Amino acid sequence: MRLVHSEATAEETTAGPAGDEGSSESLRRVAVASFIGTAIEFYDFYIYGTAAALVLNQAFFPTLDPVNATLASFSTYAVAFAARPLGSIVFGHFGDRVGRKSVLVVSLLLMGLSTAFVGLLPGYATLGIWAPLLLILLRFVQGIGLGGEWGGAALLAVEHAPKKRRGLYAAFPQLGPSVGFFAATGIFWLLSASLDDAAFRSWGWRIPFLLSFLLVAVGLFVRLKISETPVFAKVMDAQEASKVPTLDVIRGHWRELLLGAGGMIVAYGLFYTATTYCLSYATGTLGISRNTMLALSLVACLFLAAGTWLAATRSDGAGRRKLILAGCGLAVVWGLVLFPLLDTESPVLVALALGGALFCMGVVYGPMGAYLPELFGTRVRYSGASLAYNLGGVLGGAVSPLIATRLQAAFGSSSVGWYVSAMAVVSLLCVLVLPETRERELA
């Protein structure tokens, strides 16, 4: 945090995008609010992925064989990704017409409460077929909430930040997923280590979901204290808000939308392959203990945070595009070594495999916090950045565990690594076509 308030020049801290919002105090508040919000919402999202890999197949799909039960569990997991573009459209519409702050409060409530209700949902043994159906519904609502979260949090940071430090301030919402994943994995690891298997599968896995009630209260307290972004306030003062932002994005920014989504594919693919799928693969196929894999995932998460912070903060000087391309190139190589390292079953090499994959993801993901918003004009920025981000999630995150499960069963683990490398190539080609944006004016 020292960089946020002590190293900024007097000009930058008093003359940000709008003069009265450029003080170091207001910038600190915005950085904290954007960070805490994304950390909470991604915690909510990630605990579902961990539960899907470890326990939801037996709790909600006990009548299926192990492979199909795992696929069914991952399918409910994928439902939220299908809902996220819808959330981008809904929240983006109001975010570009009403304002960033109020929309972020609603998305936090929707995401947090739907997550908490998963912890209260009885399993198949109690409700029969209604249990997985209600699980799918809650997961769908989760996706809608998260679909509106990232774009608003990124814009909150970027539109308040001085021009020369947009990458730095965008690093804070980008760190939210690292902290959310660390918290989600950490609490599952503590529960797995302290409870016997029967207790963990019966009720222990519900505790992380129920904690969302408390986290939502914390997030609301923080977010209600921030102001509207100065860049959007100018649009509202001039009465220039878009009437149908999503339509304007499709008409005027379809190229940035599709290429931006393509650039995000590898970030999602790396993350959900290295976490959700690898957790299921290592515990189910390789026979590595659940406690060991959760502990190794915690170590790997540190690599994600390091890559995210390093690339995001360096992007103000080196450029967003250059660092994203570097991350894609690293991911092409790492996809080929990921599963050979994992298949050794050595804890050190497994940690290296997962950590390397998440570091590559962080290098791509970190600069995206500023890059995607900078691709779009203020009138449609919420809708455009959110849609690009979440369409990339559908292509890279929703299907990755499903495709990886099928590939491994049919062709072995090495085929999953080739799949990861192929996603990295697609993202690299998309970003190559896009321009550098760090010198653009947001207004």
Protein backbone atom coordinates (compact mmCIF):
# COMPACT_ATOMS: atom_id res chain seq x y z
CA MET A 1 0.00 0.00 0.00
CA ARG A 2 2.98 2.38 0.39
CA LEU A 3 2.98 3.09 -3.34
CA VAL A 4 -0.63 4.18 -3.19
CA HIS A 5 -0.21 7.17 -0.93
CA SER A 6 3.45 8.03 -0.46
CA GLU A 7 5.10 7.76 -3.86
CA ALA A 8 2.46 9.45 -5.98
CA THR A 9 3.47 12.92 -7.06
CA ALA A 10 1.63 15.97 -5.81
CA GLU A 11 0.20 16.52 -9.27
CA GLU A 12 -1.15 12.99 -9.52
CA THR A 13 -2.73 12.93 -6.09
CA THR A 14 -4.46 16.27 -6.46
CA ALA A 15 -5.37 16.19 -10.13
CA GLY A 16 -6.70 12.74 -10.92
CA PRO A 17 -9.50 12.17 -13.40
CA ALA A 18 -11.61 14.60 -11.43
CA GLY A 19 -10.03 17.02 -9.03
CA ASP A 20 -12.06 16.30 -5.90
CA GLU A 21 -11.57 12.55 -6.23
CA GLY A 22 -7.83 12.63 -6.72
CA SER A 23 -6.75 12.86 -3.09
CA SER A 24 -4.60 10.08 -1.67
CA GLU A 25 -7.25 9.40 0.98
CA SER A 26 -10.02 8.85 -1.56
CA LEU A 27 -7.71 6.75 -3.75
CA ARG A 28 -6.80 4.53 -0.79
CA ARG A 29 -10.48 4.08 0.01
CA VAL A 30 -11.26 3.13 -3.60
CA ALA A 31 -8.34 0.68 -3.74
CA VAL A 32 -9.48 -1.03 -0.54
CA ALA A 33 -13.13 -1.14 -1.64
CA SER A 34 -12.35 -2.63 -5.05
CA PHE A 35 -9.97 -5.17 -3.50
CA ILE A 36 -12.28 -6.31 -0.70
CA GLY A 37 -15.28 -6.57 -3.00
CA THR A 38 -13.58 -8.78 -5.57
CA ALA A 39 -11.92 -10.88 -2.84
CA ILE A 40 -15.30 -11.63 -1.26
CA GLU A 41 -17.10 -12.32 -4.51
CA PHE A 42 -14.36 -14.57 -5.86
CA TYR A 43 -14.19 -16.38 -2.53
CA ASP A 44 -17.88 -17.13 -3.00
CA PHE A 45 -17.26 -18.32 -6.54
CA TYR A 46 -14.20 -20.44 -5.75
CA ILE A 47 -15.59 -22.33 -2.79
CA TYR A 48 -18.10 -23.82 -5.19
CA GLY A 49 -15.30 -25.00 -7.47
CA THR A 50 -13.46 -26.62 -4.57
CA ALA A 51 -16.63 -28.26 -3.30
CA ALA A 52 -17.46 -29.45 -6.83
CA ALA A 53 -14.08 -31.17 -7.05
CA LEU A 54 -14.28 -32.76 -3.59
CA VAL A 55 -17.81 -33.46 -2.41
CA LEU A 56 -20.75 -32.18 -4.49
CA ASN A 57 -20.69 -35.21 -6.80
CA GLN A 58 -21.58 -37.51 -3.89
CA ALA A 59 -23.90 -35.09 -2.09
CA PHE A 60 -26.05 -34.21 -5.10
CA PHE A 61 -25.39 -36.91 -7.74
CA PRO A 62 -24.98 -40.16 -5.75
CA THR A 63 -26.83 -42.31 -8.32
CA LEU A 64 -24.23 -41.76 -11.06
CA ASP A 65 -20.95 -43.60 -11.58
CA PRO A 66 -17.83 -41.69 -10.41
CA VAL A 67 -16.83 -40.20 -13.80
CA ASN A 68 -20.34 -39.07 -14.72
CA ALA A 69 -20.97 -37.78 -11.19
CA THR A 70 -17.82 -35.67 -11.48
CA LEU A 71 -18.93 -34.42 -14.90
CA ALA A 72 -22.37 -33.57 -13.50
CA SER A 73 -20.76 -31.70 -10.61
CA PHE A 74 -18.55 -29.74 -13.00
CA SER A 75 -21.58 -29.07 -15.23
CA THR A 76 -23.38 -27.30 -12.37
CA TYR A 77 -20.10 -25.47 -11.88
CA ALA A 78 -20.17 -24.40 -15.54
CA VAL A 79 -23.73 -23.07 -15.30
CA ALA A 80 -22.48 -19.94 -13.53
CA PHE A 81 -20.16 -19.15 -16.43
CA ALA A 82 -23.09 -19.29 -18.83
CA ALA A 83 -24.93 -16.84 -16.55
CA ARG A 84 -22.02 -14.41 -16.25
CA PRO A 85 -22.48 -12.74 -19.67
CA LEU A 86 -26.14 -12.23 -18.77
CA GLY A 87 -25.00 -10.59 -15.54
CA SER A 88 -22.64 -8.41 -17.58
CA ILE A 89 -25.52 -7.25 -19.76
CA VAL A 90 -27.88 -6.54 -16.86
CA PHE A 91 -25.38 -4.91 -14.51
CA GLY A 92 -23.50 -3.27 -17.36
CA HIS A 93 -26.72 -1.64 -18.55
CA PHE A 94 -27.40 -0.03 -15.20
CA GLY A 95 -23.71 0.57 -14.48
CA ASP A 96 -23.42 2.62 -17.67
CA ARG A 97 -26.74 4.42 -17.11
CA VAL A 98 -27.08 4.83 -13.33
CA GLY A 99 -23.53 4.53 -11.99
CA ARG A 100 -20.83 2.11 -10.90
CA LYS A 101 -21.29 2.25 -7.11
CA SER A 102 -24.98 1.31 -6.71
CA VAL A 103 -24.67 -1.58 -9.17
CA LEU A 104 -21.69 -3.00 -7.28
CA VAL A 105 -23.70 -3.07 -4.05
CA VAL A 106 -26.48 -5.08 -5.72
CA SER A 107 -24.04 -7.55 -7.32
CA LEU A 108 -22.37 -8.17 -3.96
CA LEU A 109 -25.73 -8.93 -2.31
CA LEU A 110 -26.87 -11.24 -5.11
CA MET A 111 -23.61 -13.18 -5.19
CA GLY A 112 -23.20 -13.47 -1.43
CA LEU A 113 -26.74 -14.56 -0.57
CA SER A 114 -26.95 -17.17 -3.34
CA THR A 115 -23.64 -18.61 -2.10
CA ALA A 116 -24.81 -18.75 1.51
CA PHE A 117 -28.01 -20.56 0.51
CA VAL A 118 -25.95 -23.34 -1.10
CA GLY A 119 -24.68 -24.05 2.42
CA LEU A 120 -28.29 -24.45 3.59
CA LEU A 121 -29.45 -26.63 0.67
CA PRO A 122 -30.27 -30.26 1.62
CA GLY A 123 -28.66 -32.98 -0.49
CA TYR A 124 -30.09 -35.64 -2.80
CA ALA A 125 -30.86 -37.97 0.10
CA THR A 126 -33.36 -35.41 1.46
CA LEU A 127 -34.82 -33.66 -1.57
CA GLY A 128 -34.22 -36.13 -4.35
CA ILE A 129 -34.06 -34.61 -7.84
CA TRP A 130 -34.98 -31.17 -6.45
CA ALA A 131 -31.59 -30.95 -4.72
CA PRO A 132 -29.46 -30.76 -7.91
CA LEU A 133 -32.09 -28.58 -9.62
CA LEU A 134 -32.01 -26.02 -6.80
CA LEU A 135 -28.21 -26.24 -6.77
CA ILE A 136 -28.17 -25.33 -10.48
CA LEU A 137 -30.53 -22.40 -9.83
CA LEU A 138 -28.35 -21.00 -7.04
CA ARG A 139 -25.25 -21.44 -9.16
CA PHE A 140 -26.95 -19.59 -12.00
CA VAL A 141 -27.76 -16.67 -9.68
CA GLN A 142 -24.14 -16.72 -8.49
CA GLY A 143 -23.01 -16.31 -12.07
CA ILE A 144 -25.31 -13.35 -12.70
CA GLY A 145 -23.94 -11.62 -9.60
CA LEU A 146 -20.31 -12.21 -10.50
CA GLY A 147 -21.01 -11.15 -14.09
CA GLY A 148 -21.58 -7.63 -12.81
CA GLU A 149 -18.83 -7.60 -10.19
CA TRP A 150 -15.51 -7.56 -11.98
CA GLY A 151 -16.28 -4.82 -14.49
CA GLY A 152 -17.60 -2.49 -11.80
CA ALA A 153 -14.69 -3.13 -9.44
CA ALA A 154 -12.12 -2.61 -12.20
CA LEU A 155 -13.80 0.60 -13.33
CA LEU A 156 -14.01 1.80 -9.75
CA ALA A 157 -10.21 1.61 -9.54
CA VAL A 158 -9.30 2.67 -13.08
CA GLU A 159 -11.69 5.62 -13.38
CA HIS A 160 -10.53 7.09 -10.06
CA ALA A 161 -6.81 6.56 -10.72
CA PRO A 162 -4.29 9.09 -12.14
CA LYS A 163 -3.47 8.29 -15.77
CA LYS A 164 0.10 7.18 -15.08
CA ARG A 165 -0.97 4.81 -12.30
CA ARG A 166 -4.02 3.07 -13.70
CA GLY A 167 -2.19 -0.26 -13.83
CA LEU A 168 -1.19 0.12 -10.18
CA TYR A 169 -4.71 0.85 -8.95
CA ALA A 170 -6.23 -1.81 -11.19
CA ALA A 171 -3.89 -4.28 -9.49
CA PHE A 172 -6.03 -4.14 -6.34
CA PRO A 173 -9.24 -5.61 -7.78
CA GLN A 174 -7.05 -8.04 -9.73
CA LEU A 175 -5.55 -9.28 -6.45
CA GLY A 176 -9.05 -10.06 -5.16
CA PRO A 177 -9.23 -13.44 -6.91
CA SER A 178 -5.86 -14.49 -5.42
CA VAL A 179 -6.98 -13.63 -1.90
CA GLY A 180 -10.45 -15.10 -2.48
CA PHE A 181 -8.95 -18.34 -3.76
CA PHE A 182 -6.45 -18.48 -0.89
CA ALA A 183 -9.25 -17.99 1.67
CA ALA A 184 -11.51 -20.54 -0.01
CA THR A 185 -8.78 -23.16 -0.26
CA GLY A 186 -7.47 -22.39 3.23
CA ILE A 187 -10.79 -22.89 4.96
CA PHE A 188 -11.42 -26.13 3.09
CA TRP A 189 -7.94 -27.30 4.08
CA LEU A 190 -8.57 -26.47 7.76
CA LEU A 191 -11.90 -28.30 7.71
CA SER A 192 -10.46 -31.29 5.89
CA ALA A 193 -7.56 -31.50 8.36
CA SER A 194 -9.71 -31.13 11.48
CA LEU A 195 -12.74 -33.27 10.57
CA ASP A 196 -12.96 -36.94 9.72
CA ASP A 197 -14.09 -37.79 6.20
CA ALA A 198 -17.68 -38.58 7.18
CA ALA A 199 -18.16 -35.28 9.03
CA PHE A 200 -16.54 -33.31 6.22
CA ARG A 201 -18.82 -34.84 3.59
CA SER A 202 -21.92 -34.62 5.80
CA TRP A 203 -21.78 -31.01 7.04
CA GLY A 204 -18.23 -29.66 7.12
CA TRP A 205 -18.20 -28.57 3.47
CA ARG A 206 -21.19 -26.28 4.16
CA ILE A 207 -19.30 -23.99 6.56
CA PRO A 208 -17.39 -22.04 3.86
CA PHE A 209 -20.69 -21.25 2.14
CA LEU A 210 -22.40 -20.09 5.34
CA LEU A 211 -19.52 -17.72 6.09
CA SER A 212 -20.68 -15.70 3.10
CA PHE A 213 -23.40 -14.13 5.28
CA LEU A 214 -20.67 -12.44 7.34
CA LEU A 215 -18.52 -11.51 4.36
CA VAL A 216 -21.40 -9.80 2.56
CA ALA A 217 -21.95 -7.57 5.59
CA VAL A 218 -18.25 -6.59 5.57
CA GLY A 219 -18.30 -5.89 1.83
CA LEU A 220 -21.40 -3.73 2.04
CA PHE A 221 -19.92 -1.68 4.87
CA VAL A 222 -16.86 -0.89 2.76
CA ARG A 223 -18.61 -0.24 -0.54
CA LEU A 224 -21.28 2.06 0.82
CA LYS A 225 -18.53 4.50 1.86
CA ILE A 226 -17.15 5.17 -1.63
CA SER A 227 -18.28 7.78 -4.16
CA GLU A 228 -19.20 7.52 -7.83
CA THR A 229 -16.24 7.58 -10.23
CA PRO A 230 -15.40 11.10 -11.50
CA VAL A 231 -15.18 10.00 -15.14
CA PHE A 232 -18.73 8.62 -15.11
CA ALA A 233 -20.00 11.60 -13.10
CA LYS A 234 -18.94 13.83 -16.00
CA VAL A 235 -20.94 11.70 -18.43
CA MET A 236 -24.01 12.00 -16.22
CA ASP A 237 -23.56 15.77 -15.83
CA ALA A 238 -23.43 16.13 -19.60
CA GLN A 239 -26.45 13.80 -19.98
CA GLU A 240 -24.47 11.60 -22.39
CA ALA A 241 -25.21 8.17 -20.89
CA SER A 242 -25.91 5.43 -23.42
CA LYS A 243 -29.54 4.33 -23.63
CA VAL A 244 -28.72 0.73 -24.55
CA PRO A 245 -25.02 0.19 -23.71
CA THR A 246 -24.81 -3.47 -24.77
CA LEU A 247 -26.23 -2.66 -28.20
CA ASP A 248 -23.76 0.21 -28.56
CA VAL A 249 -20.90 -2.14 -27.66
CA ILE A 250 -21.97 -4.67 -30.29
CA ARG A 251 -22.41 -1.98 -32.94
CA GLY A 252 -19.34 0.13 -32.29
CA HIS A 253 -16.89 -2.04 -30.34
CA TRP A 254 -17.52 -5.60 -31.51
CA ARG A 255 -13.87 -6.05 -32.49
CA GLU A 256 -12.58 -5.05 -29.05
CA LEU A 257 -15.28 -7.18 -27.43
CA LEU A 258 -14.41 -10.40 -29.27
CA LEU A 259 -10.64 -9.96 -29.17
CA GLY A 260 -10.72 -8.94 -25.52
CA ALA A 261 -12.73 -12.07 -24.72
CA GLY A 262 -10.23 -14.13 -26.68
CA GLY A 263 -7.38 -12.61 -24.70
CA MET A 264 -9.03 -13.70 -21.45
CA ILE A 265 -9.43 -17.36 -22.48
CA VAL A 266 -5.98 -18.48 -21.32
CA ALA A 267 -6.31 -16.78 -17.93
CA TYR A 268 -9.51 -18.65 -17.19
CA GLY A 269 -8.28 -21.88 -18.76
CA LEU A 270 -5.08 -21.89 -16.71
CA PHE A 271 -6.83 -21.10 -13.46
CA TYR A 272 -9.64 -23.62 -13.62
CA THR A 273 -7.46 -26.36 -15.05
CA ALA A 274 -4.76 -25.86 -12.41
CA THR A 275 -7.23 -25.60 -9.52
CA THR A 276 -10.62 -27.25 -10.00
CA TYR A 277 -9.65 -29.94 -12.51
CA CYS A 278 -6.19 -30.71 -11.10
CA LEU A 279 -7.64 -31.00 -7.59
CA SER A 280 -10.15 -33.57 -8.82
CA TYR A 281 -7.56 -35.37 -10.99
CA ALA A 282 -4.88 -35.54 -8.30
CA THR A 283 -7.19 -36.78 -5.52
CA GLY A 284 -9.29 -39.10 -7.70
CA THR A 285 -6.85 -40.47 -10.31
CA LEU A 286 -3.39 -40.07 -8.78
CA GLY A 287 -4.51 -40.86 -5.23
CA ILE A 288 -2.87 -37.82 -3.63
CA SER A 289 -4.59 -37.01 -0.34
CA ARG A 290 -7.13 -34.21 -0.18
CA ASN A 291 -5.22 -32.42 2.59
CA THR A 292 -1.98 -32.50 0.61
CA MET A 293 -3.56 -31.11 -2.54
CA LEU A 294 -5.33 -28.33 -0.70
CA ALA A 295 -2.07 -27.37 1.01
CA LEU A 296 -0.20 -27.38 -2.32
CA SER A 297 -2.96 -25.25 -3.84
CA LEU A 298 -2.39 -22.69 -1.09
CA VAL A 299 1.29 -22.52 -2.03
CA ALA A 300 0.42 -22.18 -5.72
CA CYS A 301 -1.90 -19.29 -4.94
CA LEU A 302 1.10 -17.24 -3.80
CA PHE A 303 2.50 -17.55 -7.33
CA LEU A 304 -0.77 -16.22 -8.72
CA ALA A 305 -0.67 -13.18 -6.45
CA ALA A 306 2.99 -12.54 -7.32
CA GLY A 307 2.39 -12.74 -11.07
CA THR A 308 -0.70 -10.55 -10.85
CA TRP A 309 0.95 -7.78 -8.83
CA LEU A 310 4.21 -7.86 -10.78
CA ALA A 311 2.57 -7.61 -14.21
CA ALA A 312 -0.17 -5.13 -13.22
CA THR A 313 2.19 -2.64 -11.60
CA ARG A 314 4.81 -2.97 -14.35
CA SER A 315 2.20 -2.37 -17.05
CA ASP A 316 2.20 1.38 -16.37
CA GLY A 317 5.76 1.53 -17.66
CA ALA A 318 6.19 -1.46 -19.97
CA GLY A 319 2.68 -1.42 -21.42
CA ARG A 320 -0.30 -3.71 -20.85
CA ARG A 321 -0.12 -5.51 -24.19
CA LYS A 322 3.54 -6.48 -23.96
CA LEU A 323 3.12 -8.13 -20.56
CA ILE A 324 -0.06 -9.94 -21.54
CA LEU A 325 1.70 -11.35 -24.61
CA ALA A 326 4.60 -12.47 -22.43
CA GLY A 327 2.19 -14.29 -20.12
CA CYS A 328 0.52 -16.02 -23.07
CA GLY A 329 3.91 -17.13 -24.39
CA LEU A 330 4.90 -18.55 -21.01
CA ALA A 331 1.57 -20.38 -20.82
CA VAL A 332 2.16 -22.08 -24.19
CA VAL A 333 5.32 -23.63 -22.76
CA TRP A 334 3.95 -24.37 -19.31
CA GLY A 335 0.94 -26.25 -20.66
CA LEU A 336 3.36 -28.87 -22.01
CA VAL A 337 5.13 -29.45 -18.66
CA LEU A 338 2.13 -29.08 -16.33
CA PHE A 339 0.96 -32.69 -16.31
CA PRO A 340 4.36 -34.40 -16.58
CA LEU A 341 5.24 -32.57 -13.34
CA LEU A 342 1.87 -33.38 -11.79
CA ASP A 343 2.08 -37.06 -12.68
CA THR A 344 5.29 -37.47 -10.69
CA GLU A 345 3.12 -37.22 -7.53
CA SER A 346 6.06 -35.49 -5.83
CA PRO A 347 4.72 -32.72 -3.57
CA VAL A 348 7.50 -30.34 -4.59
CA LEU A 349 6.97 -30.91 -8.31
CA VAL A 350 3.18 -30.80 -7.99
CA ALA A 351 3.51 -27.43 -6.22
CA LEU A 352 5.82 -26.27 -9.02
CA ALA A 353 3.34 -27.45 -11.67
CA LEU A 354 0.41 -25.63 -10.11
CA GLY A 355 2.42 -22.57 -9.08
CA GLY A 356 3.91 -22.15 -12.54
CA ALA A 357 0.50 -22.36 -14.19
CA LEU A 358 -0.99 -19.78 -11.82
CA PHE A 359 2.02 -17.47 -12.21
CA CYS A 360 1.48 -17.49 -15.99
CA MET A 361 -2.18 -16.78 -15.38
CA GLY A 362 -1.30 -13.86 -13.10
CA VAL A 363 0.98 -12.28 -15.71
CA VAL A 364 -1.90 -12.28 -18.19
CA TYR A 365 -4.58 -11.39 -15.66
CA GLY A 366 -2.86 -8.54 -13.82
CA PRO A 367 -2.71 -6.01 -16.68
CA MET A 368 -6.23 -6.95 -17.84
CA GLY A 369 -7.66 -4.91 -14.96
CA ALA A 370 -6.66 -1.74 -16.78
CA TYR A 371 -6.43 -3.07 -20.35
CA LEU A 372 -10.04 -4.17 -20.88
CA PRO A 373 -11.59 -0.95 -19.47
CA GLU A 374 -9.18 1.15 -21.57
CA LEU A 375 -10.43 -0.56 -24.74
CA PHE A 376 -13.91 0.99 -24.36
CA GLY A 377 -15.33 4.52 -24.09
CA THR A 378 -16.84 5.79 -20.85
CA ARG A 379 -20.46 5.55 -22.08
CA VAL A 380 -20.18 1.78 -22.63
CA ARG A 381 -17.12 0.89 -20.53
CA TYR A 382 -18.95 -1.12 -17.85
CA SER A 383 -20.84 -3.21 -20.42
CA GLY A 384 -17.91 -3.64 -22.80
CA ALA A 385 -15.25 -4.60 -20.25
CA SER A 386 -17.63 -6.89 -18.34
CA LEU A 387 -18.84 -8.68 -21.46
CA ALA A 388 -15.32 -9.23 -22.79
CA TYR A 389 -14.16 -10.50 -19.41
CA ASN A 390 -17.07 -12.90 -18.91
CA LEU A 391 -17.31 -14.16 -22.48
CA GLY A 392 -13.69 -15.17 -22.05
CA GLY A 393 -14.82 -16.98 -18.91
CA VAL A 394 -17.38 -19.02 -20.84
CA LEU A 395 -14.80 -20.06 -23.43
CA GLY A 396 -11.90 -20.60 -21.05
CA GLY A 397 -13.35 -21.36 -17.62
CA ALA A 398 -16.73 -23.02 -18.01
CA VAL A 399 -15.63 -25.77 -20.36
CA SER A 400 -12.05 -26.36 -19.17
CA PRO A 401 -12.80 -28.87 -16.37
CA LEU A 402 -15.34 -30.67 -18.60
CA ILE A 403 -13.02 -30.93 -21.60
CA ALA A 404 -10.04 -31.83 -19.40
CA THR A 405 -12.00 -34.67 -17.75
CA ARG A 406 -12.97 -36.11 -21.15
CA LEU A 407 -9.49 -35.67 -22.64
CA GLN A 408 -7.78 -37.36 -19.74
CA ALA A 409 -10.18 -40.30 -19.81
CA ALA A 410 -9.74 -40.77 -23.57
CA PHE A 411 -6.13 -39.78 -24.31
CA GLY A 412 -4.28 -39.43 -21.01
CA SER A 413 -3.13 -36.45 -19.00
CA SER A 414 -0.68 -35.09 -21.61
CA SER A 415 -3.63 -34.22 -23.86
CA VAL A 416 -4.91 -31.83 -21.20
CA GLY A 417 -1.57 -30.00 -21.29
CA TRP A 418 -1.82 -29.61 -25.06
CA TYR A 419 -5.30 -28.21 -24.57
CA VAL A 420 -3.93 -25.58 -22.16
CA SER A 421 -1.21 -24.62 -24.65
CA ALA A 422 -3.79 -24.31 -27.43
CA MET A 423 -5.84 -21.87 -25.33
CA ALA A 424 -2.69 -19.82 -24.76
CA VAL A 425 -2.02 -19.63 -28.50
CA VAL A 426 -5.58 -18.41 -29.15
CA SER A 427 -5.22 -15.67 -26.54
CA LEU A 428 -1.81 -14.64 -27.85
CA LEU A 429 -3.15 -14.21 -31.39
CA CYS A 430 -6.12 -12.15 -30.16
CA VAL A 431 -3.97 -9.76 -28.13
CA LEU A 432 -1.51 -9.38 -31.02
CA VAL A 433 -4.31 -7.77 -33.05
CA LEU A 434 -5.30 -5.34 -30.27
CA PRO A 435 -3.51 -2.00 -29.65
CA GLU A 436 -1.60 -0.75 -26.62
CA THR A 437 -3.85 1.38 -24.38
CA ARG A 438 -1.84 2.77 -21.45
CA GLU A 439 -1.60 6.29 -22.96
CA ARG A 440 -5.31 6.56 -23.73
CA GLU A 441 -7.47 9.18 -22.08
CA LEU A 442 -10.49 7.67 -20.34
CA ALA A 443 -12.85 10.63 -20.65
